[in-house]
PDB file of N, CA and C in Angstrom:
ATOM      1  N   UNK A   1     -12.367  40.557 -20.574  1.00  0.00           N
ATOM      2  CA  UNK A   1     -11.632  41.399 -21.378  1.00  0.00           C
ATOM      3  C   UNK A   1     -12.308  41.689 -22.861  1.00  0.00           C
ATOM      4  N   UNK A   2     -12.525  42.827 -23.266  1.00  0.00           N
ATOM      5  CA  UNK A   2     -13.239  42.981 -24.683  1.00  0.00           C
ATOM      6  C   UNK A   2     -12.123  43.571 -25.475  1.00  0.00           C
ATOM      7  N   UNK A   3     -12.423  43.466 -26.553  1.00  0.00           N
ATOM      8  CA  UNK A   3     -11.457  43.741 -27.716  1.00  0.00           C
ATOM      9  C   UNK A   3      -9.976  43.677 -27.445  1.00  0.00           C
ATOM     10  N   UNK A   4      -9.573  42.423 -27.074  1.00  0.00           N
ATOM     11  CA  UNK A   4      -8.069  42.218 -26.824  1.00  0.00           C
ATOM     12  C   UNK A   4      -7.377  42.235 -28.267  1.00  0.00           C
ATOM     13  N   UNK A   5      -8.026  42.059 -29.396  1.00  0.00           N
ATOM     14  CA  UNK A   5      -7.462  42.065 -30.708  1.00  0.00           C
ATOM     15  C   UNK A   5      -7.889  43.310 -31.368  1.00  0.00           C
ATOM     16  N   UNK A   6      -6.716  43.905 -31.864  1.00  0.00           N
ATOM     17  CA  UNK A   6      -6.721  45.212 -32.554  1.00  0.00           C
ATOM     18  C   UNK A   6      -7.572  45.277 -33.862  1.00  0.00           C
ATOM     19  N   UNK A   7      -8.578  45.936 -34.052  1.00  0.00           N
ATOM     20  CA  UNK A   7      -9.406  46.034 -35.070  1.00  0.00           C
ATOM     21  C   UNK A   7      -8.732  46.158 -36.517  1.00  0.00           C
ATOM     22  N   UNK A   8      -7.731  47.174 -36.393  1.00  0.00           N
ATOM     23  CA  UNK A   8      -6.908  47.606 -37.479  1.00  0.00           C
ATOM     24  C   UNK A   8      -6.094  46.379 -37.921  1.00  0.00           C
ATOM     25  N   UNK A   9      -5.397  45.748 -36.948  1.00  0.00           N
ATOM     26  CA  UNK A   9      -4.586  44.571 -37.412  1.00  0.00           C
ATOM     27  C   UNK A   9      -5.391  43.303 -38.036  1.00  0.00           C
ATOM     28  N   UNK A  10      -6.676  43.204 -37.393  1.00  0.00           N
ATOM     29  CA  UNK A  10      -7.588  42.169 -37.998  1.00  0.00           C
ATOM     30  C   UNK A  10      -7.859  42.469 -39.302  1.00  0.00           C
ATOM     31  N   UNK A  11      -8.172  43.792 -39.458  1.00  0.00           N
ATOM     32  CA  UNK A  11      -8.434  44.032 -41.087  1.00  0.00           C
ATOM     33  C   UNK A  11      -7.196  43.999 -42.046  1.00  0.00           C
ATOM     34  N   UNK A  12      -6.059  44.437 -41.357  1.00  0.00           N
ATOM     35  CA  UNK A  12      -5.043  44.290 -42.132  1.00  0.00           C
ATOM     36  C   UNK A  12      -4.649  42.706 -42.540  1.00  0.00           C
ATOM     37  N   UNK A  13      -4.919  41.758 -41.634  1.00  0.00           N
ATOM     38  CA  UNK A  13      -4.624  40.308 -41.734  1.00  0.00           C
ATOM     39  C   UNK A  13      -5.557  39.941 -42.893  1.00  0.00           C
ATOM     40  N   UNK A  14      -6.905  40.423 -42.837  1.00  0.00           N
ATOM     41  CA  UNK A  14      -7.879  39.966 -43.903  1.00  0.00           C
ATOM     42  C   UNK A  14      -7.552  40.310 -45.319  1.00  0.00           C
ATOM     43  N   UNK A  15      -6.842  41.738 -45.431  1.00  0.00           N
ATOM     44  CA  UNK A  15      -6.407  42.119 -46.576  1.00  0.00           C
ATOM     45  C   UNK A  15      -5.174  41.267 -47.032  1.00  0.00           C
ATOM     46  N   UNK A  16      -4.192  41.125 -46.031  1.00  0.00           N
ATOM     47  CA  UNK A  16      -3.153  40.103 -46.430  1.00  0.00           C
ATOM     48  C   UNK A  16      -3.517  38.727 -46.984  1.00  0.00           C
ATOM     49  N   UNK A  17      -4.383  38.148 -46.340  1.00  0.00           N
ATOM     50  CA  UNK A  17      -4.889  36.908 -46.803  1.00  0.00           C
ATOM     51  C   UNK A  17      -5.478  36.914 -48.057  1.00  0.00           C
ATOM     52  N   UNK A  18      -6.378  37.860 -48.209  1.00  0.00           N
ATOM     53  CA  UNK A  18      -7.073  37.960 -49.550  1.00  0.00           C
ATOM     54  C   UNK A  18      -6.124  38.118 -50.697  1.00  0.00           C
ATOM     55  N   UNK A  19      -4.910  39.017 -50.434  1.00  0.00           N
ATOM     56  CA  UNK A  19      -3.945  39.112 -51.431  1.00  0.00           C
ATOM     57  C   UNK A  19      -3.153  37.929 -51.957  1.00  0.00           C
ATOM     58  N   UNK A  20      -3.037  36.798 -50.957  1.00  0.00           N
ATOM     59  CA  UNK A  20      -2.536  35.620 -51.213  1.00  0.00           C
ATOM     60  C   UNK A  20      -3.408  34.551 -51.461  1.00  0.00           C
ATOM     61  N   UNK A  21      -4.826  34.752 -51.667  1.00  0.00           N
ATOM     62  CA  UNK A  21      -5.742  33.640 -51.826  1.00  0.00           C
ATOM     63  C   UNK A  21      -5.803  32.746 -50.613  1.00  0.00           C
ATOM     64  N   UNK A  22      -5.655  33.250 -49.460  1.00  0.00           N
ATOM     65  CA  UNK A  22      -5.844  32.390 -48.239  1.00  0.00           C
ATOM     66  C   UNK A  22      -7.104  32.732 -47.616  1.00  0.00           C
ATOM     67  N   UNK A  23      -7.983  31.736 -47.100  1.00  0.00           N
ATOM     68  CA  UNK A  23      -9.224  31.929 -46.398  1.00  0.00           C
ATOM     69  C   UNK A  23      -8.959  32.296 -45.207  1.00  0.00           C
ATOM     70  N   UNK A  24      -9.585  33.336 -44.585  1.00  0.00           N
ATOM     71  CA  UNK A  24      -9.237  33.597 -43.119  1.00  0.00           C
ATOM     72  C   UNK A  24     -10.687  33.814 -42.574  1.00  0.00           C
ATOM     73  N   UNK A  25     -10.883  33.314 -41.330  1.00  0.00           N
ATOM     74  CA  UNK A  25     -12.226  33.334 -40.666  1.00  0.00           C
ATOM     75  C   UNK A  25     -11.974  34.073 -39.324  1.00  0.00           C
ATOM     76  N   UNK A  26     -12.990  34.939 -38.958  1.00  0.00           N
ATOM     77  CA  UNK A  26     -13.039  35.527 -37.366  1.00  0.00           C
ATOM     78  C   UNK A  26     -13.683  34.441 -36.703  1.00  0.00           C
ATOM     79  N   UNK A  27     -13.466  34.300 -35.483  1.00  0.00           N
ATOM     80  CA  UNK A  27     -14.425  33.543 -34.504  1.00  0.00           C
ATOM     81  C   UNK A  27     -13.895  33.716 -33.145  1.00  0.00           C
ATOM     82  N   UNK A  28     -14.668  32.940 -32.222  1.00  0.00           N
ATOM     83  CA  UNK A  28     -14.290  33.013 -30.832  1.00  0.00           C
ATOM     84  C   UNK A  28     -13.554  31.714 -30.332  1.00  0.00           C
ATOM     85  N   UNK A  29     -12.231  32.059 -29.877  1.00  0.00           N
ATOM     86  CA  UNK A  29     -11.121  31.238 -29.533  1.00  0.00           C
ATOM     87  C   UNK A  29     -11.386  30.917 -27.888  1.00  0.00           C
ATOM     88  N   UNK A  30     -11.597  29.679 -27.646  1.00  0.00           N
ATOM     89  CA  UNK A  30     -11.522  29.439 -26.263  1.00  0.00           C
ATOM     90  C   UNK A  30     -10.369  28.668 -25.933  1.00  0.00           C
ATOM     91  N   UNK A  31      -9.498  29.088 -24.848  1.00  0.00           N
ATOM     92  CA  UNK A  31      -8.281  28.455 -24.518  1.00  0.00           C
ATOM     93  C   UNK A  31      -8.397  27.386 -23.321  1.00  0.00           C
ATOM     94  N   UNK A  32      -7.818  26.340 -23.472  1.00  0.00           N
ATOM     95  CA  UNK A  32      -7.842  25.440 -22.415  1.00  0.00           C
ATOM     96  C   UNK A  32      -6.324  25.023 -22.040  1.00  0.00           C
ATOM     97  N   UNK A  33      -6.128  24.496 -20.844  1.00  0.00           N
ATOM     98  CA  UNK A  33      -4.683  24.312 -20.307  1.00  0.00           C
ATOM     99  C   UNK A  33      -3.893  23.279 -20.951  1.00  0.00           C
ATOM    100  N   UNK A  34      -4.620  22.215 -21.551  1.00  0.00           N
ATOM    101  CA  UNK A  34      -3.803  21.227 -22.254  1.00  0.00           C
ATOM    102  C   UNK A  34      -3.211  20.322 -21.273  1.00  0.00           C
ATOM    103  N   UNK A  35      -2.161  19.593 -21.558  1.00  0.00           N
ATOM    104  CA  UNK A  35      -1.922  19.262 -22.913  1.00  0.00           C
ATOM    105  C   UNK A  35      -2.596  17.931 -23.359  1.00  0.00           C
ATOM    106  N   UNK A  36      -3.847  18.013 -23.485  1.00  0.00           N
ATOM    107  CA  UNK A  36      -4.432  16.913 -24.057  1.00  0.00           C
ATOM    108  C   UNK A  36      -5.795  17.321 -24.807  1.00  0.00           C
ATOM    109  N   UNK A  37      -6.349  16.394 -25.609  1.00  0.00           N
ATOM    110  CA  UNK A  37      -7.398  16.782 -26.386  1.00  0.00           C
ATOM    111  C   UNK A  37      -8.783  16.983 -25.636  1.00  0.00           C
ATOM    112  N   UNK A  38      -9.610  17.674 -25.696  1.00  0.00           N
ATOM    113  CA  UNK A  38     -10.861  17.847 -25.114  1.00  0.00           C
ATOM    114  C   UNK A  38     -11.869  16.641 -25.540  1.00  0.00           C
ATOM    115  N   UNK A  39     -12.565  16.393 -24.478  1.00  0.00           N
ATOM    116  CA  UNK A  39     -13.603  15.227 -24.628  1.00  0.00           C
ATOM    117  C   UNK A  39     -14.630  15.826 -25.281  1.00  0.00           C
ATOM    118  N   UNK A  40     -15.545  14.842 -26.102  1.00  0.00           N
ATOM    119  CA  UNK A  40     -16.769  15.310 -26.854  1.00  0.00           C
ATOM    120  C   UNK A  40     -17.584  16.178 -25.869  1.00  0.00           C
ATOM    121  N   UNK A  41     -17.718  15.790 -24.488  1.00  0.00           N
ATOM    122  CA  UNK A  41     -18.561  16.483 -23.572  1.00  0.00           C
ATOM    123  C   UNK A  41     -18.280  18.005 -23.447  1.00  0.00           C
ATOM    124  N   UNK A  42     -16.851  18.116 -23.356  1.00  0.00           N
ATOM    125  CA  UNK A  42     -16.404  19.439 -23.203  1.00  0.00           C
ATOM    126  C   UNK A  42     -16.656  20.311 -24.523  1.00  0.00           C
ATOM    127  N   UNK A  43     -16.408  19.620 -25.742  1.00  0.00           N
ATOM    128  CA  UNK A  43     -16.495  20.401 -26.889  1.00  0.00           C
ATOM    129  C   UNK A  43     -18.084  20.752 -27.043  1.00  0.00           C
ATOM    130  N   UNK A  44     -18.933  19.997 -26.662  1.00  0.00           N
ATOM    131  CA  UNK A  44     -20.505  20.302 -26.709  1.00  0.00           C
ATOM    132  C   UNK A  44     -20.601  21.512 -25.656  1.00  0.00           C
ATOM    133  N   UNK A  45     -20.005  21.592 -24.528  1.00  0.00           N
ATOM    134  CA  UNK A  45     -20.076  22.798 -23.463  1.00  0.00           C
ATOM    135  C   UNK A  45     -19.594  23.890 -24.096  1.00  0.00           C
ATOM    136  N   UNK A  46     -18.477  24.038 -24.697  1.00  0.00           N
ATOM    137  CA  UNK A  46     -17.685  25.115 -25.444  1.00  0.00           C
ATOM    138  C   UNK A  46     -18.569  25.414 -26.353  1.00  0.00           C
ATOM    139  N   UNK A  47     -19.189  24.817 -27.240  1.00  0.00           N
ATOM    140  CA  UNK A  47     -19.852  25.154 -28.206  1.00  0.00           C
ATOM    141  C   UNK A  47     -21.048  25.989 -27.761  1.00  0.00           C
ATOM    142  N   UNK A  48     -21.757  25.572 -26.717  1.00  0.00           N
ATOM    143  CA  UNK A  48     -22.758  26.220 -25.926  1.00  0.00           C
ATOM    144  C   UNK A  48     -22.444  27.686 -25.476  1.00  0.00           C
ATOM    145  N   UNK A  49     -21.193  27.706 -25.095  1.00  0.00           N
ATOM    146  CA  UNK A  49     -20.636  28.941 -24.519  1.00  0.00           C
ATOM    147  C   UNK A  49     -20.215  29.821 -25.778  1.00  0.00           C
ATOM    148  N   UNK A  50     -20.351  29.357 -26.984  1.00  0.00           N
ATOM    149  CA  UNK A  50     -20.159  30.161 -28.143  1.00  0.00           C
ATOM    150  C   UNK A  50     -18.802  30.041 -28.786  1.00  0.00           C
ATOM    151  N   UNK A  51     -17.985  28.896 -28.317  1.00  0.00           N
ATOM    152  CA  UNK A  51     -16.504  29.020 -28.957  1.00  0.00           C
ATOM    153  C   UNK A  51     -16.692  28.351 -30.371  1.00  0.00           C
ATOM    154  N   UNK A  52     -15.937  28.926 -31.229  1.00  0.00           N
ATOM    155  CA  UNK A  52     -15.759  28.423 -32.735  1.00  0.00           C
ATOM    156  C   UNK A  52     -14.591  27.526 -32.644  1.00  0.00           C
ATOM    157  N   UNK A  53     -13.542  27.671 -31.832  1.00  0.00           N
ATOM    158  CA  UNK A  53     -12.429  26.945 -31.851  1.00  0.00           C
ATOM    159  C   UNK A  53     -11.772  26.868 -30.423  1.00  0.00           C
ATOM    160  N   UNK A  54     -11.087  25.754 -30.173  1.00  0.00           N
ATOM    161  CA  UNK A  54     -10.633  25.554 -28.886  1.00  0.00           C
ATOM    162  C   UNK A  54      -9.134  25.102 -29.308  1.00  0.00           C
ATOM    163  N   UNK A  55      -8.212  25.778 -28.220  1.00  0.00           N
ATOM    164  CA  UNK A  55      -6.803  25.478 -28.454  1.00  0.00           C
ATOM    165  C   UNK A  55      -6.209  25.532 -26.998  1.00  0.00           C
ATOM    166  N   UNK A  56      -4.666  25.293 -27.043  1.00  0.00           N
ATOM    167  CA  UNK A  56      -3.963  25.244 -25.935  1.00  0.00           C
ATOM    168  C   UNK A  56      -2.811  26.377 -25.853  1.00  0.00           C
ATOM    169  N   UNK A  57      -3.085  27.522 -26.767  1.00  0.00           N
ATOM    170  CA  UNK A  57      -2.141  28.266 -26.659  1.00  0.00           C
ATOM    171  C   UNK A  57      -2.845  29.997 -26.840  1.00  0.00           C
ATOM    172  N   UNK A  58      -1.874  30.913 -27.119  1.00  0.00           N
ATOM    173  CA  UNK A  58      -2.436  32.077 -27.479  1.00  0.00           C
ATOM    174  C   UNK A  58      -2.756  33.013 -26.315  1.00  0.00           C
ATOM    175  N   UNK A  59      -3.893  32.421 -25.716  1.00  0.00           N
ATOM    176  CA  UNK A  59      -4.615  33.595 -24.824  1.00  0.00           C
ATOM    177  C   UNK A  59      -3.823  34.016 -23.752  1.00  0.00           C
ATOM    178  N   UNK A  60      -2.895  33.225 -22.866  1.00  0.00           N
ATOM    179  CA  UNK A  60      -2.141  34.097 -21.834  1.00  0.00           C
ATOM    180  C   UNK A  60      -1.275  35.145 -22.349  1.00  0.00           C
ATOM    181  N   UNK A  61      -0.663  35.069 -23.613  1.00  0.00           N
ATOM    182  CA  UNK A  61       0.103  36.022 -24.239  1.00  0.00           C
ATOM    183  C   UNK A  61      -0.596  37.279 -24.454  1.00  0.00           C
ATOM    184  N   UNK A  62      -1.827  37.065 -25.207  1.00  0.00           N
ATOM    185  CA  UNK A  62      -2.665  37.981 -25.509  1.00  0.00           C
ATOM    186  C   UNK A  62      -3.172  38.889 -24.362  1.00  0.00           C
ATOM    187  N   UNK A  63      -3.614  38.322 -23.240  1.00  0.00           N
ATOM    188  CA  UNK A  63      -4.023  38.949 -22.040  1.00  0.00           C
ATOM    189  C   UNK A  63      -2.862  39.908 -21.520  1.00  0.00           C
ATOM    190  N   UNK A  64      -1.707  39.361 -21.384  1.00  0.00           N
ATOM    191  CA  UNK A  64      -0.499  40.260 -20.855  1.00  0.00           C
ATOM    192  C   UNK A  64      -0.329  41.442 -21.872  1.00  0.00           C
ATOM    193  N   UNK A  65      -0.220  41.156 -23.143  1.00  0.00           N
ATOM    194  CA  UNK A  65      -0.010  42.208 -24.174  1.00  0.00           C
ATOM    195  C   UNK A  65      -1.074  43.360 -24.112  1.00  0.00           C
ATOM    196  N   UNK A  66      -2.265  42.676 -24.051  1.00  0.00           N
ATOM    197  CA  UNK A  66      -3.446  43.847 -24.029  1.00  0.00           C
ATOM    198  C   UNK A  66      -3.423  44.606 -22.828  1.00  0.00           C
ATOM    199  N   UNK A  67      -3.171  44.119 -21.700  1.00  0.00           N
ATOM    200  CA  UNK A  67      -2.917  44.819 -20.351  1.00  0.00           C
ATOM    201  C   UNK A  67      -1.832  45.852 -20.513  1.00  0.00           C
ATOM    202  N   UNK A  68      -0.762  45.540 -21.219  1.00  0.00           N
ATOM    203  CA  UNK A  68       0.244  46.489 -21.284  1.00  0.00           C
ATOM    204  C   UNK A  68       0.067  47.440 -22.631  1.00  0.00           C
ATOM    205  N   UNK A  69      -1.335  47.444 -23.092  1.00  0.00           N
ATOM    206  CA  UNK A  69      -1.478  48.645 -24.210  1.00  0.00           C
ATOM    207  C   UNK A  69      -1.031  48.190 -25.578  1.00  0.00           C
ATOM    208  N   UNK A  70      -0.540  46.892 -25.717  1.00  0.00           N
ATOM    209  CA  UNK A  70      -0.058  46.785 -27.042  1.00  0.00           C
ATOM    210  C   UNK A  70      -1.188  46.376 -27.971  1.00  0.00           C
ATOM    211  N   UNK A  71      -0.972  46.522 -29.213  1.00  0.00           N
ATOM    212  CA  UNK A  71      -1.948  46.195 -30.320  1.00  0.00           C
ATOM    213  C   UNK A  71      -1.715  44.609 -30.619  1.00  0.00           C
ATOM    214  N   UNK A  72      -2.641  43.881 -30.603  1.00  0.00           N
ATOM    215  CA  UNK A  72      -2.447  42.489 -30.637  1.00  0.00           C
ATOM    216  C   UNK A  72      -3.196  42.015 -31.937  1.00  0.00           C
ATOM    217  N   UNK A  73      -2.553  40.805 -32.469  1.00  0.00           N
ATOM    218  CA  UNK A  73      -3.351  40.165 -33.685  1.00  0.00           C
ATOM    219  C   UNK A  73      -3.063  38.650 -33.380  1.00  0.00           C
ATOM    220  N   UNK A  74      -4.054  37.959 -33.158  1.00  0.00           N
ATOM    221  CA  UNK A  74      -3.984  36.510 -33.122  1.00  0.00           C
ATOM    222  C   UNK A  74      -4.277  35.687 -34.219  1.00  0.00           C
ATOM    223  N   UNK A  75      -3.395  34.845 -34.643  1.00  0.00           N
ATOM    224  CA  UNK A  75      -3.643  33.899 -35.822  1.00  0.00           C
ATOM    225  C   UNK A  75      -3.629  32.485 -35.318  1.00  0.00           C
ATOM    226  N   UNK A  76      -4.577  31.677 -35.786  1.00  0.00           N
ATOM    227  CA  UNK A  76      -4.348  30.243 -35.495  1.00  0.00           C
ATOM    228  C   UNK A  76      -4.439  29.515 -36.571  1.00  0.00           C
ATOM    229  N   UNK A  77      -3.843  28.350 -36.754  1.00  0.00           N
ATOM    230  CA  UNK A  77      -4.042  27.337 -37.727  1.00  0.00           C
ATOM    231  C   UNK A  77      -5.090  26.249 -36.956  1.00  0.00           C
ATOM    232  N   UNK A  78      -6.114  26.039 -37.368  1.00  0.00           N
ATOM    233  CA  UNK A  78      -7.019  24.860 -36.959  1.00  0.00           C
ATOM    234  C   UNK A  78      -6.658  23.603 -37.706  1.00  0.00           C
ATOM    235  N   UNK A  79      -5.979  22.752 -36.723  1.00  0.00           N
ATOM    236  CA  UNK A  79      -5.375  21.647 -37.361  1.00  0.00           C
ATOM    237  C   UNK A  79      -6.147  20.264 -37.115  1.00  0.00           C
ATOM    238  N   UNK A  80      -7.148  20.404 -36.548  1.00  0.00           N
ATOM    239  CA  UNK A  80      -8.134  19.049 -36.384  1.00  0.00           C
ATOM    240  C   UNK A  80      -9.659  19.508 -35.941  1.00  0.00           C
ATOM    241  N   UNK A  81     -10.511  18.747 -36.402  1.00  0.00           N
ATOM    242  CA  UNK A  81     -11.744  18.622 -35.834  1.00  0.00           C
ATOM    243  C   UNK A  81     -11.617  18.155 -34.315  1.00  0.00           C
ATOM    244  N   UNK A  82     -12.576  18.711 -33.511  1.00  0.00           N
ATOM    245  CA  UNK A  82     -12.357  18.606 -31.982  1.00  0.00           C
ATOM    246  C   UNK A  82     -13.143  17.209 -31.823  1.00  0.00           C
ATOM    247  N   UNK A  83     -12.802  16.659 -30.698  1.00  0.00           N
ATOM    248  CA  UNK A  83     -13.566  15.192 -30.333  1.00  0.00           C
ATOM    249  C   UNK A  83     -15.131  15.360 -30.390  1.00  0.00           C
ATOM    250  N   UNK A  84     -15.710  14.383 -31.043  1.00  0.00           N
ATOM    251  CA  UNK A  84     -17.116  14.288 -31.279  1.00  0.00           C
ATOM    252  C   UNK A  84     -17.643  15.020 -32.451  1.00  0.00           C
ATOM    253  N   UNK A  85     -16.718  15.806 -33.187  1.00  0.00           N
ATOM    254  CA  UNK A  85     -17.178  16.451 -34.367  1.00  0.00           C
ATOM    255  C   UNK A  85     -16.828  15.703 -35.427  1.00  0.00           C
ATOM    256  N   UNK A  86     -15.966  14.694 -35.498  1.00  0.00           N
ATOM    257  CA  UNK A  86     -15.538  14.036 -36.621  1.00  0.00           C
ATOM    258  C   UNK A  86     -15.803  12.608 -36.235  1.00  0.00           C
ATOM    259  N   UNK A  87     -15.600  11.682 -37.223  1.00  0.00           N
ATOM    260  CA  UNK A  87     -15.833  10.142 -37.150  1.00  0.00           C
ATOM    261  C   UNK A  87     -14.666   9.726 -35.950  1.00  0.00           C
ATOM    262  N   UNK A  88     -13.513  10.071 -36.234  1.00  0.00           N
ATOM    263  CA  UNK A  88     -12.400   9.574 -35.481  1.00  0.00           C
ATOM    264  C   UNK A  88     -11.960  10.619 -34.543  1.00  0.00           C
ATOM    265  N   UNK A  89     -11.439  10.188 -33.224  1.00  0.00           N
ATOM    266  CA  UNK A  89     -10.811  11.040 -32.331  1.00  0.00           C
ATOM    267  C   UNK A  89      -9.649  11.795 -32.920  1.00  0.00           C
ATOM    268  N   UNK A  90      -9.303  12.964 -32.417  1.00  0.00           N
ATOM    269  CA  UNK A  90      -8.180  13.613 -33.115  1.00  0.00           C
ATOM    270  C   UNK A  90      -6.887  12.865 -32.436  1.00  0.00           C
ATOM    271  N   UNK A  91      -5.911  12.958 -33.280  1.00  0.00           N
ATOM    272  CA  UNK A  91      -4.533  12.301 -32.736  1.00  0.00           C
ATOM    273  C   UNK A  91      -3.458  13.540 -32.797  1.00  0.00           C
ATOM    274  N   UNK A  92      -2.293  13.316 -32.113  1.00  0.00           N
ATOM    275  CA  UNK A  92      -1.127  14.100 -32.393  1.00  0.00           C
ATOM    276  C   UNK A  92      -0.587  13.963 -33.849  1.00  0.00           C
ATOM    277  N   UNK A  93      -0.672  12.864 -34.202  1.00  0.00           N
ATOM    278  CA  UNK A  93      -0.124  12.603 -35.849  1.00  0.00           C
ATOM    279  C   UNK A  93      -0.847  13.562 -36.656  1.00  0.00           C
ATOM    280  N   UNK A  94      -2.243  13.595 -36.593  1.00  0.00           N
ATOM    281  CA  UNK A  94      -3.079  14.468 -37.215  1.00  0.00           C
ATOM    282  C   UNK A  94      -2.811  16.080 -37.110  1.00  0.00           C
ATOM    283  N   UNK A  95      -2.576  16.351 -36.013  1.00  0.00           N
ATOM    284  CA  UNK A  95      -2.103  17.728 -35.641  1.00  0.00           C
ATOM    285  C   UNK A  95      -0.981  18.296 -36.373  1.00  0.00           C
ATOM    286  N   UNK A  96       0.090  17.257 -36.223  1.00  0.00           N
ATOM    287  CA  UNK A  96       1.382  17.439 -36.858  1.00  0.00           C
ATOM    288  C   UNK A  96       1.393  17.331 -38.434  1.00  0.00           C
ATOM    289  N   UNK A  97       0.751  16.495 -38.960  1.00  0.00           N
ATOM    290  CA  UNK A  97       0.398  16.619 -40.428  1.00  0.00           C
ATOM    291  C   UNK A  97      -0.221  17.895 -40.907  1.00  0.00           C
ATOM    292  N   UNK A  98      -1.316  18.288 -40.221  1.00  0.00           N
ATOM    293  CA  UNK A  98      -1.954  19.352 -40.488  1.00  0.00           C
ATOM    294  C   UNK A  98      -1.128  20.614 -40.601  1.00  0.00           C
ATOM    295  N   UNK A  99      -0.288  20.754 -39.430  1.00  0.00           N
ATOM    296  CA  UNK A  99       0.553  21.845 -39.277  1.00  0.00           C
ATOM    297  C   UNK A  99       1.545  22.066 -40.457  1.00  0.00           C
ATOM    298  N   UNK A 100       2.193  20.850 -40.743  1.00  0.00           N
ATOM    299  CA  UNK A 100       3.222  20.859 -41.876  1.00  0.00           C
ATOM    300  C   UNK A 100       2.560  21.340 -43.199  1.00  0.00           C
ATOM    301  N   UNK A 101       1.254  20.841 -43.376  1.00  0.00           N
ATOM    302  CA  UNK A 101       0.480  21.276 -44.636  1.00  0.00           C
ATOM    303  C   UNK A 101       0.083  22.729 -44.737  1.00  0.00           C
ATOM    304  N   UNK A 102      -0.010  23.447 -43.463  1.00  0.00           N
ATOM    305  CA  UNK A 102      -0.345  24.738 -43.529  1.00  0.00           C
ATOM    306  C   UNK A 102       0.675  25.720 -43.256  1.00  0.00           C
ATOM    307  N   UNK A 103       1.699  25.313 -42.739  1.00  0.00           N
ATOM    308  CA  UNK A 103       2.880  26.108 -42.234  1.00  0.00           C
ATOM    309  C   UNK A 103       3.205  27.226 -43.554  1.00  0.00           C
ATOM    310  N   UNK A 104       3.400  26.860 -44.732  1.00  0.00           N
ATOM    311  CA  UNK A 104       3.772  27.770 -45.536  1.00  0.00           C
ATOM    312  C   UNK A 104       2.897  28.855 -45.835  1.00  0.00           C
ATOM    313  N   UNK A 105       1.459  28.574 -45.910  1.00  0.00           N
ATOM    314  CA  UNK A 105       0.602  29.507 -46.065  1.00  0.00           C
ATOM    315  C   UNK A 105       0.569  30.500 -44.938  1.00  0.00           C
ATOM    316  N   UNK A 106       0.796  30.115 -43.787  1.00  0.00           N
ATOM    317  CA  UNK A 106       0.790  30.863 -42.445  1.00  0.00           C
ATOM    318  C   UNK A 106       1.973  31.725 -42.504  1.00  0.00           C
ATOM    319  N   UNK A 107       2.939  31.271 -42.805  1.00  0.00           N
ATOM    320  CA  UNK A 107       4.156  32.227 -43.109  1.00  0.00           C
ATOM    321  C   UNK A 107       4.133  33.273 -44.234  1.00  0.00           C
ATOM    322  N   UNK A 108       3.437  32.779 -45.166  1.00  0.00           N
ATOM    323  CA  UNK A 108       3.158  33.787 -46.203  1.00  0.00           C
ATOM    324  C   UNK A 108       2.230  34.784 -45.757  1.00  0.00           C
ATOM    325  N   UNK A 109       1.331  34.446 -44.951  1.00  0.00           N
ATOM    326  CA  UNK A 109       0.209  35.352 -44.334  1.00  0.00           C
ATOM    327  C   UNK A 109       1.067  36.600 -43.318  1.00  0.00           C
ATOM    328  N   UNK A 110       1.965  35.818 -42.408  1.00  0.00           N
ATOM    329  CA  UNK A 110       2.608  36.736 -41.598  1.00  0.00           C
ATOM    330  C   UNK A 110       3.426  37.744 -42.355  1.00  0.00           C
ATOM    331  N   UNK A 111       4.066  37.381 -43.183  1.00  0.00           N
ATOM    332  CA  UNK A 111       5.027  38.102 -44.108  1.00  0.00           C
ATOM    333  C   UNK A 111       4.021  39.373 -44.607  1.00  0.00           C
ATOM    334  N   UNK A 112       2.851  38.799 -45.046  1.00  0.00           N
ATOM    335  CA  UNK A 112       1.944  39.998 -45.864  1.00  0.00           C
ATOM    336  C   UNK A 112       1.516  40.693 -44.800  1.00  0.00           C
ATOM    337  N   UNK A 113       1.118  40.489 -43.639  1.00  0.00           N
ATOM    338  CA  UNK A 113       0.683  41.464 -42.341  1.00  0.00           C
ATOM    339  C   UNK A 113       1.994  42.438 -42.306  1.00  0.00           C
ATOM    340  N   UNK A 114       3.074  41.953 -41.965  1.00  0.00           N
ATOM    341  CA  UNK A 114       4.201  42.644 -41.607  1.00  0.00           C
ATOM    342  C   UNK A 114       4.566  43.658 -42.640  1.00  0.00           C
ATOM    343  N   UNK A 115       4.564  43.446 -44.094  1.00  0.00           N
ATOM    344  CA  UNK A 115       4.755  44.089 -45.077  1.00  0.00           C
ATOM    345  C   UNK A 115       3.696  45.440 -45.205  1.00  0.00           C
ATOM    346  N   UNK A 116       2.615  45.164 -44.402  1.00  0.00           N
ATOM    347  CA  UNK A 116       1.521  46.283 -44.534  1.00  0.00           C
ATOM    348  C   UNK A 116       1.592  47.073 -43.300  1.00  0.00           C
ATOM    349  N   UNK A 117       2.217  46.659 -42.345  1.00  0.00           N
ATOM    350  CA  UNK A 117       2.375  47.617 -41.291  1.00  0.00           C
ATOM    351  C   UNK A 117       3.143  49.071 -41.561  1.00  0.00           C
ATOM    352  N   UNK A 118       2.538  49.992 -41.065  1.00  0.00           N
ATOM    353  CA  UNK A 118       3.118  51.340 -41.108  1.00  0.00           C
ATOM    354  C   UNK A 118       4.581  51.408 -40.523  1.00  0.00           C
TER     355      UNK A 118
END
């Protein structure tokens, strides 16, 4: 599937992020079924395939929405370094702590995007 994410919504998200001083990055998101952290070998393979981020959500919903002609915007909080990319293996506690630290910014970004919709 190509162009699952609407370019106009992506541009809107970048503008909204800039308005609130939030750093926003585009990249390739690779979805896995979970619910476990990936191994260092899997992360190396995913990087070879071009993945910038790996996660356990988002993609099934995006596929269905895009197949039904909906404009889609995907936003992800990257909460931990993948196995093999940091000194310590990722933990669920690290994920929850990072989510708590970044939730307010994500909420402000979503509010900013919604405010800019026609």
